[in-house]
Amino acid sequence: MCIFCKIVDKEIPNKTVLEDEKFLAFEDINPQAKIHVLIIPKQHIDSFEHVSPELMAEMTSFIQKVAKVLDVDSSGYRLITNIGENGGQEVPHLHFHILAGEKLGALV
């Protein structure tokens, strides 16, 4: 069982930001910005390459709610997902990072 599934099953504690029946948002334990939150589906999905368009549409709405809860929906944030080994994905469970709370530098 992956670490995110253990978090969903409450085997590993987390600092929950928002939760519903399908998704969970929680603070990253190694933040890369003032605000760094991870958003995951509760259902195990290996990566973005394996998510259905229907679940992704629901996840989009949840991510937007998280941004409102964090009060960064107006000021801005970075939304990132890493896909596969070459994309830098470290945990094989679909997840998005919200980075915010400060001005972030350009990536390219």
PDB file of N, CA and C in Angstrom:
ATOM      1  N   MET A   1       0.851  -1.184   0.000  1.00  0.00           N
ATOM      2  CA  MET A   1       0.000   0.000   0.000  1.00  0.00           C
ATOM      3  C   MET A   1       0.893   1.241   0.000  1.00  0.00           C
ATOM      4  N   CYS A   2       0.566   2.224  -0.839  1.00  0.00           N
ATOM      5  CA  CYS A   2       1.405   3.421  -0.931  1.00  0.00           C
ATOM      6  C   CYS A   2       1.161   4.355   0.255  1.00  0.00           C
ATOM      7  N   ILE A   3       2.089   5.276   0.465  1.00  0.00           N
ATOM      8  CA  ILE A   3       2.011   6.183   1.609  1.00  0.00           C
ATOM      9  C   ILE A   3       0.748   7.040   1.582  1.00  0.00           C
ATOM     10  N   PHE A   4       0.297   7.461   0.391  1.00  0.00           N
ATOM     11  CA  PHE A   4      -0.912   8.280   0.326  1.00  0.00           C
ATOM     12  C   PHE A   4      -2.156   7.454   0.657  1.00  0.00           C
ATOM     13  N   CYS A   5      -2.182   6.195   0.278  1.00  0.00           N
ATOM     14  CA  CYS A   5      -3.296   5.327   0.654  1.00  0.00           C
ATOM     15  C   CYS A   5      -3.330   5.143   2.172  1.00  0.00           C
ATOM     16  N   LYS A   6      -2.155   5.063   2.789  1.00  0.00           N
ATOM     17  CA  LYS A   6      -2.094   4.954   4.255  1.00  0.00           C
ATOM     18  C   LYS A   6      -2.593   6.233   4.914  1.00  0.00           C
ATOM     19  N   ILE A   7      -2.346   7.375   4.299  1.00  0.00           N
ATOM     20  CA  ILE A   7      -2.869   8.645   4.817  1.00  0.00           C
ATOM     21  C   ILE A   7      -4.392   8.658   4.689  1.00  0.00           C
ATOM     22  N   VAL A   8      -4.911   8.236   3.548  1.00  0.00           N
ATOM     23  CA  VAL A   8      -6.364   8.163   3.348  1.00  0.00           C
ATOM     24  C   VAL A   8      -6.988   7.244   4.388  1.00  0.00           C
ATOM     25  N   ASP A   9      -6.346   6.108   4.667  1.00  0.00           N
ATOM     26  CA  ASP A   9      -6.855   5.132   5.635  1.00  0.00           C
ATOM     27  C   ASP A   9      -6.586   5.528   7.087  1.00  0.00           C
ATOM     28  N   LYS A  10      -6.002   6.699   7.287  1.00  0.00           N
ATOM     29  CA  LYS A  10      -5.700   7.256   8.611  1.00  0.00           C
ATOM     30  C   LYS A  10      -4.670   6.437   9.391  1.00  0.00           C
ATOM     31  N   GLU A  11      -3.845   5.665   8.669  1.00  0.00           N
ATOM     32  CA  GLU A  11      -2.736   4.946   9.297  1.00  0.00           C
ATOM     33  C   GLU A  11      -1.572   5.894   9.553  1.00  0.00           C
ATOM     34  N   ILE A  12      -1.497   6.961   8.760  1.00  0.00           N
ATOM     35  CA  ILE A  12      -0.461   7.988   8.910  1.00  0.00           C
ATOM     36  C   ILE A  12      -1.188   9.314   9.105  1.00  0.00           C
ATOM     37  N   PRO A  13      -0.855  10.061  10.164  1.00  0.00           N
ATOM     38  CA  PRO A  13      -1.533  11.341  10.398  1.00  0.00           C
ATOM     39  C   PRO A  13      -1.133  12.391   9.370  1.00  0.00           C
ATOM     40  N   ASN A  14      -2.001  13.385   9.218  1.00  0.00           N
ATOM     41  CA  ASN A  14      -1.728  14.492   8.307  1.00  0.00           C
ATOM     42  C   ASN A  14      -2.422  15.740   8.828  1.00  0.00           C
ATOM     43  N   LYS A  15      -2.051  16.872   8.266  1.00  0.00           N
ATOM     44  CA  LYS A  15      -2.717  18.135   8.579  1.00  0.00           C
ATOM     45  C   LYS A  15      -3.674  18.431   7.432  1.00  0.00           C
ATOM     46  N   THR A  16      -4.914  17.999   7.612  1.00  0.00           N
ATOM     47  CA  THR A  16      -5.920  18.117   6.566  1.00  0.00           C
ATOM     48  C   THR A  16      -6.326  19.572   6.347  1.00  0.00           C
ATOM     49  N   VAL A  17      -6.398  19.953   5.093  1.00  0.00           N
ATOM     50  CA  VAL A  17      -6.868  21.285   4.696  1.00  0.00           C
ATOM     51  C   VAL A  17      -8.333  21.201   4.279  1.00  0.00           C
ATOM     52  N   LEU A  18      -8.683  20.167   3.504  1.00  0.00           N
ATOM     53  CA  LEU A  18     -10.049  19.960   3.034  1.00  0.00           C
ATOM     54  C   LEU A  18     -10.205  18.497   2.667  1.00  0.00           C
ATOM     55  N   GLU A  19     -11.408  17.975   2.907  1.00  0.00           N
ATOM     56  CA  GLU A  19     -11.671  16.569   2.595  1.00  0.00           C
ATOM     57  C   GLU A  19     -13.138  16.421   2.210  1.00  0.00           C
ATOM     58  N   ASP A  20     -13.382  15.557   1.246  1.00  0.00           N
ATOM     59  CA  ASP A  20     -14.744  15.140   0.947  1.00  0.00           C
ATOM     60  C   ASP A  20     -14.721  13.638   0.704  1.00  0.00           C
ATOM     61  N   GLU A  21     -15.788  13.103   0.147  1.00  0.00           N
ATOM     62  CA  GLU A  21     -15.865  11.649  -0.007  1.00  0.00           C
ATOM     63  C   GLU A  21     -14.886  11.088  -1.034  1.00  0.00           C
ATOM     64  N   LYS A  22     -14.405  11.929  -1.980  1.00  0.00           N
ATOM     65  CA  LYS A  22     -13.519  11.427  -3.033  1.00  0.00           C
ATOM     66  C   LYS A  22     -12.089  11.940  -2.975  1.00  0.00           C
ATOM     67  N   PHE A  23     -11.857  13.073  -2.291  1.00  0.00           N
ATOM     68  CA  PHE A  23     -10.545  13.727  -2.346  1.00  0.00           C
ATOM     69  C   PHE A  23     -10.084  14.184  -0.975  1.00  0.00           C
ATOM     70  N   LEU A  24      -8.771  14.353  -0.860  1.00  0.00           N
ATOM     71  CA  LEU A  24      -8.155  14.820   0.372  1.00  0.00           C
ATOM     72  C   LEU A  24      -7.058  15.817   0.022  1.00  0.00           C
ATOM     73  N   ALA A  25      -7.037  16.933   0.750  1.00  0.00           N
ATOM     74  CA  ALA A  25      -5.971  17.930   0.617  1.00  0.00           C
ATOM     75  C   ALA A  25      -5.319  18.076   1.980  1.00  0.00           C
ATOM     76  N   PHE A  26      -3.981  18.026   1.995  1.00  0.00           N
ATOM     77  CA  PHE A  26      -3.257  18.111   3.260  1.00  0.00           C
ATOM     78  C   PHE A  26      -1.917  18.801   3.059  1.00  0.00           C
ATOM     79  N   GLU A  27      -1.376  19.326   4.155  1.00  0.00           N
ATOM     80  CA  GLU A  27      -0.108  20.050   4.088  1.00  0.00           C
ATOM     81  C   GLU A  27       1.036  19.093   3.780  1.00  0.00           C
ATOM     82  N   ASP A  28       1.950  19.535   2.914  1.00  0.00           N
ATOM     83  CA  ASP A  28       3.143  18.764   2.582  1.00  0.00           C
ATOM     84  C   ASP A  28       4.084  18.783   3.781  1.00  0.00           C
ATOM     85  N   ILE A  29       4.718  17.662   4.102  1.00  0.00           N
ATOM     86  CA  ILE A  29       5.628  17.606   5.255  1.00  0.00           C
ATOM     87  C   ILE A  29       6.990  18.226   4.951  1.00  0.00           C
ATOM     88  N   ASN A  30       7.261  18.496   3.673  1.00  0.00           N
ATOM     89  CA  ASN A  30       8.516  19.128   3.275  1.00  0.00           C
ATOM     90  C   ASN A  30       8.187  20.302   2.350  1.00  0.00           C
ATOM     91  N   PRO A  31       7.612  21.380   2.910  1.00  0.00           N
ATOM     92  CA  PRO A  31       7.107  22.465   2.053  1.00  0.00           C
ATOM     93  C   PRO A  31       8.190  23.153   1.231  1.00  0.00           C
ATOM     94  N   GLN A  32       7.823  23.463  -0.016  1.00  0.00           N
ATOM     95  CA  GLN A  32       8.719  24.156  -0.935  1.00  0.00           C
ATOM     96  C   GLN A  32       8.312  25.615  -1.124  1.00  0.00           C
ATOM     97  N   ALA A  33       7.276  26.054  -0.400  1.00  0.00           N
ATOM     98  CA  ALA A  33       6.802  27.437  -0.418  1.00  0.00           C
ATOM     99  C   ALA A  33       6.090  27.676   0.917  1.00  0.00           C
ATOM    100  N   LYS A  34       5.720  28.929   1.174  1.00  0.00           N
ATOM    101  CA  LYS A  34       5.011  29.235   2.432  1.00  0.00           C
ATOM    102  C   LYS A  34       3.759  28.383   2.579  1.00  0.00           C
ATOM    103  N   ILE A  35       3.060  28.190   1.482  1.00  0.00           N
ATOM    104  CA  ILE A  35       1.909  27.278   1.452  1.00  0.00           C
ATOM    105  C   ILE A  35       2.248  26.172   0.467  1.00  0.00           C
ATOM    106  N   HIS A  36       2.176  24.934   0.936  1.00  0.00           N
ATOM    107  CA  HIS A  36       2.437  23.777   0.072  1.00  0.00           C
ATOM    108  C   HIS A  36       1.468  22.681   0.504  1.00  0.00           C
ATOM    109  N   VAL A  37       0.473  22.440  -0.336  1.00  0.00           N
ATOM    110  CA  VAL A  37      -0.577  21.478  -0.033  1.00  0.00           C
ATOM    111  C   VAL A  37      -0.619  20.425  -1.131  1.00  0.00           C
ATOM    112  N   LEU A  38      -0.832  19.182  -0.733  1.00  0.00           N
ATOM    113  CA  LEU A  38      -1.000  18.072  -1.674  1.00  0.00           C
ATOM    114  C   LEU A  38      -2.480  17.734  -1.781  1.00  0.00           C
ATOM    115  N   ILE A  39      -2.920  17.442  -2.986  1.00  0.00           N
ATOM    116  CA  ILE A  39      -4.309  17.072  -3.231  1.00  0.00           C
ATOM    117  C   ILE A  39      -4.304  15.723  -3.925  1.00  0.00           C
ATOM    118  N   ILE A  40      -5.046  14.769  -3.342  1.00  0.00           N
ATOM    119  CA  ILE A  40      -5.064  13.405  -3.874  1.00  0.00           C
ATOM    120  C   ILE A  40      -6.496  12.888  -3.981  1.00  0.00           C
ATOM    121  N   PRO A  41      -6.720  11.983  -4.945  1.00  0.00           N
ATOM    122  CA  PRO A  41      -7.981  11.237  -4.902  1.00  0.00           C
ATOM    123  C   PRO A  41      -7.841  10.162  -3.822  1.00  0.00           C
ATOM    124  N   LYS A  42      -8.916   9.858  -3.142  1.00  0.00           N
ATOM    125  CA  LYS A  42      -8.866   8.795  -2.133  1.00  0.00           C
ATOM    126  C   LYS A  42      -8.700   7.426  -2.788  1.00  0.00           C
ATOM    127  N   GLN A  43      -9.223   7.284  -3.979  1.00  0.00           N
ATOM    128  CA  GLN A  43      -9.043   6.057  -4.760  1.00  0.00           C
ATOM    129  C   GLN A  43      -7.603   6.030  -5.275  1.00  0.00           C
ATOM    130  N   HIS A  44      -6.941   4.897  -5.179  1.00  0.00           N
ATOM    131  CA  HIS A  44      -5.566   4.819  -5.686  1.00  0.00           C
ATOM    132  C   HIS A  44      -5.575   4.852  -7.209  1.00  0.00           C
ATOM    133  N   ILE A  45      -4.887   5.849  -7.744  1.00  0.00           N
ATOM    134  CA  ILE A  45      -4.658   5.991  -9.187  1.00  0.00           C
ATOM    135  C   ILE A  45      -3.175   6.288  -9.329  1.00  0.00           C
ATOM    136  N   ASP A  46      -2.461   5.508 -10.115  1.00  0.00           N
ATOM    137  CA  ASP A  46      -1.006   5.628 -10.190  1.00  0.00           C
ATOM    138  C   ASP A  46      -0.511   7.012 -10.587  1.00  0.00           C
ATOM    139  N   SER A  47      -1.110   7.611 -11.615  1.00  0.00           N
ATOM    140  CA  SER A  47      -0.631   8.914 -12.078  1.00  0.00           C
ATOM    141  C   SER A  47      -1.685   9.565 -12.959  1.00  0.00           C
ATOM    142  N   PHE A  48      -1.391  10.754 -13.416  1.00  0.00           N
ATOM    143  CA  PHE A  48      -2.277  11.494 -14.309  1.00  0.00           C
ATOM    144  C   PHE A  48      -2.594  10.688 -15.562  1.00  0.00           C
ATOM    145  N   GLU A  49      -1.669   9.859 -16.005  1.00  0.00           N
ATOM    146  CA  GLU A  49      -1.869   9.039 -17.200  1.00  0.00           C
ATOM    147  C   GLU A  49      -2.983   8.005 -17.021  1.00  0.00           C
ATOM    148  N   HIS A  50      -3.392   7.757 -15.785  1.00  0.00           N
ATOM    149  CA  HIS A  50      -4.365   6.711 -15.506  1.00  0.00           C
ATOM    150  C   HIS A  50      -5.707   7.246 -14.997  1.00  0.00           C
ATOM    151  N   VAL A  51      -5.848   8.555 -14.885  1.00  0.00           N
ATOM    152  CA  VAL A  51      -7.084   9.133 -14.352  1.00  0.00           C
ATOM    153  C   VAL A  51      -8.116   9.313 -15.469  1.00  0.00           C
ATOM    154  N   SER A  52      -9.367   9.065 -15.149  1.00  0.00           N
ATOM    155  CA  SER A  52     -10.430   9.270 -16.140  1.00  0.00           C
ATOM    156  C   SER A  52     -10.742  10.758 -16.254  1.00  0.00           C
ATOM    157  N   PRO A  53     -11.195  11.187 -17.424  1.00  0.00           N
ATOM    158  CA  PRO A  53     -11.598  12.589 -17.577  1.00  0.00           C
ATOM    159  C   PRO A  53     -12.704  12.985 -16.594  1.00  0.00           C
ATOM    160  N   GLU A  54     -13.599  12.053 -16.288  1.00  0.00           N
ATOM    161  CA  GLU A  54     -14.700  12.342 -15.372  1.00  0.00           C
ATOM    162  C   GLU A  54     -14.193  12.616 -13.956  1.00  0.00           C
ATOM    163  N   LEU A  55     -13.277  11.783 -13.466  1.00  0.00           N
ATOM    164  CA  LEU A  55     -12.729  12.014 -12.122  1.00  0.00           C
ATOM    165  C   LEU A  55     -11.873  13.272 -12.117  1.00  0.00           C
ATOM    166  N   MET A  56     -11.158  13.520 -13.193  1.00  0.00           N
ATOM    167  CA  MET A  56     -10.326  14.729 -13.275  1.00  0.00           C
ATOM    168  C   MET A  56     -11.189  15.983 -13.207  1.00  0.00           C
ATOM    169  N   ALA A  57     -12.368  15.947 -13.825  1.00  0.00           N
ATOM    170  CA  ALA A  57     -13.287  17.090 -13.759  1.00  0.00           C
ATOM    171  C   ALA A  57     -13.726  17.333 -12.316  1.00  0.00           C
ATOM    172  N   GLU A  58     -14.019  16.272 -11.593  1.00  0.00           N
ATOM    173  CA  GLU A  58     -14.401  16.413 -10.179  1.00  0.00           C
ATOM    174  C   GLU A  58     -13.220  16.923  -9.346  1.00  0.00           C
ATOM    175  N   MET A  59     -12.036  16.433  -9.662  1.00  0.00           N
ATOM    176  CA  MET A  59     -10.844  16.843  -8.924  1.00  0.00           C
ATOM    177  C   MET A  59     -10.546  18.319  -9.172  1.00  0.00           C
ATOM    178  N   THR A  60     -10.788  18.782 -10.390  1.00  0.00           N
ATOM    179  CA  THR A  60     -10.580  20.193 -10.713  1.00  0.00           C
ATOM    180  C   THR A  60     -11.432  21.070  -9.802  1.00  0.00           C
ATOM    181  N   SER A  61     -12.680  20.718  -9.643  1.00  0.00           N
ATOM    182  CA  SER A  61     -13.582  21.474  -8.766  1.00  0.00           C
ATOM    183  C   SER A  61     -13.079  21.456  -7.325  1.00  0.00           C
ATOM    184  N   PHE A  62     -12.608  20.296  -6.866  1.00  0.00           N
ATOM    185  CA  PHE A  62     -12.082  20.180  -5.499  1.00  0.00           C
ATOM    186  C   PHE A  62     -10.840  21.052  -5.330  1.00  0.00           C
ATOM    187  N   ILE A  63      -9.942  21.032  -6.294  1.00  0.00           N
ATOM    188  CA  ILE A  63      -8.722  21.851  -6.223  1.00  0.00           C
ATOM    189  C   ILE A  63      -9.085  23.329  -6.128  1.00  0.00           C
ATOM    190  N   GLN A  64     -10.079  23.756  -6.880  1.00  0.00           N
ATOM    191  CA  GLN A  64     -10.516  25.153  -6.821  1.00  0.00           C
ATOM    192  C   GLN A  64     -11.069  25.498  -5.435  1.00  0.00           C
ATOM    193  N   LYS A  65     -11.769  24.565  -4.796  1.00  0.00           N
ATOM    194  CA  LYS A  65     -12.259  24.773  -3.428  1.00  0.00           C
ATOM    195  C   LYS A  65     -11.088  24.896  -2.457  1.00  0.00           C
ATOM    196  N   VAL A  66     -10.066  24.066  -2.638  1.00  0.00           N
ATOM    197  CA  VAL A  66      -8.878  24.130  -1.783  1.00  0.00           C
ATOM    198  C   VAL A  66      -8.227  25.504  -1.902  1.00  0.00           C
ATOM    199  N   ALA A  67      -8.099  26.012  -3.120  1.00  0.00           N
ATOM    200  CA  ALA A  67      -7.509  27.337  -3.325  1.00  0.00           C
ATOM    201  C   ALA A  67      -8.303  28.410  -2.588  1.00  0.00           C
ATOM    202  N   LYS A  68      -9.624  28.291  -2.569  1.00  0.00           N
ATOM    203  CA  LYS A  68     -10.467  29.245  -1.832  1.00  0.00           C
ATOM    204  C   LYS A  68     -10.250  29.112  -0.326  1.00  0.00           C
ATOM    205  N   VAL A  69     -10.203  27.870   0.179  1.00  0.00           N
ATOM    206  CA  VAL A  69      -9.970  27.640   1.609  1.00  0.00           C
ATOM    207  C   VAL A  69      -8.626  28.232   2.031  1.00  0.00           C
ATOM    208  N   LEU A  70      -7.622  28.095   1.178  1.00  0.00           N
ATOM    209  CA  LEU A  70      -6.290  28.635   1.466  1.00  0.00           C
ATOM    210  C   LEU A  70      -6.214  30.146   1.242  1.00  0.00           C
ATOM    211  N   ASP A  71      -7.267  30.717   0.658  1.00  0.00           N
ATOM    212  CA  ASP A  71      -7.356  32.140   0.345  1.00  0.00           C
ATOM    213  C   ASP A  71      -6.258  32.568  -0.631  1.00  0.00           C
ATOM    214  N   VAL A  72      -6.016  31.721  -1.624  1.00  0.00           N
ATOM    215  CA  VAL A  72      -5.030  32.046  -2.658  1.00  0.00           C
ATOM    216  C   VAL A  72      -5.664  32.073  -4.048  1.00  0.00           C
ATOM    217  N   ASP A  73      -6.983  31.897  -4.101  1.00  0.00           N
ATOM    218  CA  ASP A  73      -7.667  31.857  -5.394  1.00  0.00           C
ATOM    219  C   ASP A  73      -7.545  33.176  -6.145  1.00  0.00           C
ATOM    220  N   SER A  74      -7.433  34.295  -5.436  1.00  0.00           N
ATOM    221  CA  SER A  74      -7.288  35.604  -6.094  1.00  0.00           C
ATOM    222  C   SER A  74      -5.830  36.014  -6.259  1.00  0.00           C
ATOM    223  N   SER A  75      -5.005  35.725  -5.252  1.00  0.00           N
ATOM    224  CA  SER A  75      -3.595  36.156  -5.296  1.00  0.00           C
ATOM    225  C   SER A  75      -2.747  35.286  -6.214  1.00  0.00           C
ATOM    226  N   GLY A  76      -3.160  34.042  -6.419  1.00  0.00           N
ATOM    227  CA  GLY A  76      -2.455  33.148  -7.329  1.00  0.00           C
ATOM    228  C   GLY A  76      -1.717  32.025  -6.635  1.00  0.00           C
ATOM    229  N   TYR A  77      -1.467  30.989  -7.386  1.00  0.00           N
ATOM    230  CA  TYR A  77      -0.783  29.800  -6.884  1.00  0.00           C
ATOM    231  C   TYR A  77      -0.242  29.013  -8.063  1.00  0.00           C
ATOM    232  N   ARG A  78       0.650  28.100  -7.759  1.00  0.00           N
ATOM    233  CA  ARG A  78       1.177  27.181  -8.774  1.00  0.00           C
ATOM    234  C   ARG A  78       0.571  25.812  -8.507  1.00  0.00           C
ATOM    235  N   LEU A  79       0.093  25.162  -9.563  1.00  0.00           N
ATOM    236  CA  LEU A  79      -0.471  23.827  -9.477  1.00  0.00           C
ATOM    237  C   LEU A  79       0.404  22.898 -10.303  1.00  0.00           C
ATOM    238  N   ILE A  80       0.913  21.855  -9.661  1.00  0.00           N
ATOM    239  CA  ILE A  80       1.889  20.969 -10.308  1.00  0.00           C
ATOM    240  C   ILE A  80       1.494  19.514 -10.094  1.00  0.00           C
ATOM    241  N   THR A  81       1.677  18.702 -11.125  1.00  0.00           N
ATOM    242  CA  THR A  81       1.664  17.258 -10.963  1.00  0.00           C
ATOM    243  C   THR A  81       2.874  16.708 -11.712  1.00  0.00           C
ATOM    244  N   ASN A  82       3.521  15.750 -11.122  1.00  0.00           N
ATOM    245  CA  ASN A  82       4.658  15.083 -11.756  1.00  0.00           C
ATOM    246  C   ASN A  82       4.179  13.707 -12.215  1.00  0.00           C
ATOM    247  N   ILE A  83       4.610  13.303 -13.399  1.00  0.00           N
ATOM    248  CA  ILE A  83       4.118  12.070 -13.996  1.00  0.00           C
ATOM    249  C   ILE A  83       5.290  11.163 -14.346  1.00  0.00           C
ATOM    250  N   GLY A  84       5.334  10.018 -13.706  1.00  0.00           N
ATOM    251  CA  GLY A  84       6.358   9.024 -14.003  1.00  0.00           C
ATOM    252  C   GLY A  84       7.742   9.393 -13.494  1.00  0.00           C
ATOM    253  N   GLU A  85       8.634   8.443 -13.621  1.00  0.00           N
ATOM    254  CA  GLU A  85      10.001   8.597 -13.112  1.00  0.00           C
ATOM    255  C   GLU A  85      10.715   9.797 -13.728  1.00  0.00           C
ATOM    256  N   ASN A  86      10.649   9.933 -15.039  1.00  0.00           N
ATOM    257  CA  ASN A  86      11.340  11.048 -15.691  1.00  0.00           C
ATOM    258  C   ASN A  86      10.684  12.392 -15.402  1.00  0.00           C
ATOM    259  N   GLY A  87       9.422  12.374 -14.995  1.00  0.00           N
ATOM    260  CA  GLY A  87       8.725  13.605 -14.639  1.00  0.00           C
ATOM    261  C   GLY A  87       8.914  13.992 -13.177  1.00  0.00           C
ATOM    262  N   GLY A  88       9.633  13.161 -12.435  1.00  0.00           N
ATOM    263  CA  GLY A  88       9.914  13.473 -11.040  1.00  0.00           C
ATOM    264  C   GLY A  88       8.873  12.981 -10.054  1.00  0.00           C
ATOM    265  N   GLN A  89       7.984  12.083 -10.474  1.00  0.00           N
ATOM    266  CA  GLN A  89       6.967  11.564  -9.554  1.00  0.00           C
ATOM    267  C   GLN A  89       7.623  10.628  -8.555  1.00  0.00           C
ATOM    268  N   GLU A  90       7.531  10.975  -7.273  1.00  0.00           N
ATOM    269  CA  GLU A  90       8.159  10.169  -6.226  1.00  0.00           C
ATOM    270  C   GLU A  90       7.191   9.193  -5.577  1.00  0.00           C
ATOM    271  N   VAL A  91       5.909   9.539  -5.512  1.00  0.00           N
ATOM    272  CA  VAL A  91       4.900   8.655  -4.927  1.00  0.00           C
ATOM    273  C   VAL A  91       3.961   8.213  -6.048  1.00  0.00           C
ATOM    274  N   PRO A  92       3.838   6.911  -6.273  1.00  0.00           N
ATOM    275  CA  PRO A  92       2.998   6.418  -7.366  1.00  0.00           C
ATOM    276  C   PRO A  92       1.510   6.451  -7.022  1.00  0.00           C
ATOM    277  N   HIS A  93       1.011   7.652  -6.772  1.00  0.00           N
ATOM    278  CA  HIS A  93      -0.408   7.900  -6.488  1.00  0.00           C
ATOM    279  C   HIS A  93      -0.659   9.306  -7.014  1.00  0.00           C
ATOM    280  N   LEU A  94      -1.641   9.466  -7.892  1.00  0.00           N
ATOM    281  CA  LEU A  94      -1.937  10.770  -8.468  1.00  0.00           C
ATOM    282  C   LEU A  94      -2.017  11.829  -7.382  1.00  0.00           C
ATOM    283  N   HIS A  95      -1.271  12.907  -7.555  1.00  0.00           N
ATOM    284  CA  HIS A  95      -1.364  14.022  -6.615  1.00  0.00           C
ATOM    285  C   HIS A  95      -0.951  15.314  -7.292  1.00  0.00           C
ATOM    286  N   PHE A  96      -1.539  16.380  -6.802  1.00  0.00           N
ATOM    287  CA  PHE A  96      -1.219  17.726  -7.266  1.00  0.00           C
ATOM    288  C   PHE A  96      -0.657  18.505  -6.095  1.00  0.00           C
ATOM    289  N   HIS A  97       0.275  19.384  -6.390  1.00  0.00           N
ATOM    290  CA  HIS A  97       0.844  20.288  -5.399  1.00  0.00           C
ATOM    291  C   HIS A  97       0.270  21.678  -5.645  1.00  0.00           C
ATOM    292  N   ILE A  98      -0.188  22.348  -4.595  1.00  0.00           N
ATOM    293  CA  ILE A  98      -0.477  23.782  -4.653  1.00  0.00           C
ATOM    294  C   ILE A  98       0.641  24.467  -3.893  1.00  0.00           C
ATOM    295  N   LEU A  99       1.347  25.347  -4.582  1.00  0.00           N
ATOM    296  CA  LEU A  99       2.392  26.175  -3.969  1.00  0.00           C
ATOM    297  C   LEU A  99       1.903  27.614  -4.013  1.00  0.00           C
ATOM    298  N   ALA A 100       1.995  28.308  -2.885  1.00  0.00           N
ATOM    299  CA  ALA A 100       1.456  29.666  -2.831  1.00  0.00           C
ATOM    300  C   ALA A 100       1.983  30.374  -1.583  1.00  0.00           C
ATOM    301  N   GLY A 101       1.424  31.565  -1.362  1.00  0.00           N
ATOM    302  CA  GLY A 101       1.747  32.323  -0.162  1.00  0.00           C
ATOM    303  C   GLY A 101       2.911  33.280  -0.323  1.00  0.00           C
ATOM    304  N   GLU A 102       3.495  33.294  -1.497  1.00  0.00           N
ATOM    305  CA  GLU A 102       4.615  34.184  -1.809  1.00  0.00           C
ATOM    306  C   GLU A 102       4.751  34.247  -3.328  1.00  0.00           C
ATOM    307  N   LYS A 103       5.482  35.220  -3.811  1.00  0.00           N
ATOM    308  CA  LYS A 103       5.716  35.311  -5.251  1.00  0.00           C
ATOM    309  C   LYS A 103       6.702  34.203  -5.643  1.00  0.00           C
ATOM    310  N   LEU A 104       6.271  33.386  -6.576  1.00  0.00           N
ATOM    311  CA  LEU A 104       7.075  32.252  -7.027  1.00  0.00           C
ATOM    312  C   LEU A 104       7.811  32.632  -8.302  1.00  0.00           C
ATOM    313  N   GLY A 105       9.027  32.163  -8.437  1.00  0.00           N
ATOM    314  CA  GLY A 105       9.805  32.445  -9.635  1.00  0.00           C
ATOM    315  C   GLY A 105       9.292  31.688 -10.847  1.00  0.00           C
ATOM    316  N   ALA A 106       9.651  32.166 -12.012  1.00  0.00           N
ATOM    317  CA  ALA A 106       9.263  31.499 -13.249  1.00  0.00           C
ATOM    318  C   ALA A 106       9.976  30.171 -13.382  1.00  0.00           C
ATOM    319  N   LEU A 107       9.312  29.216 -14.004  1.00  0.00           N
ATOM    320  CA  LEU A 107       9.910  27.880 -14.204  1.00  0.00           C
ATOM    321  C   LEU A 107      10.676  27.789 -15.513  1.00  0.00           C
ATOM    322  N   VAL A 108      10.245  28.508 -16.532  1.00  0.00           N
ATOM    323  CA  VAL A 108      10.929  28.432 -17.832  1.00  0.00           C
ATOM    324  C   VAL A 108      11.247  29.813 -18.346  1.00  0.00           C
TER     325      VAL A 108
END
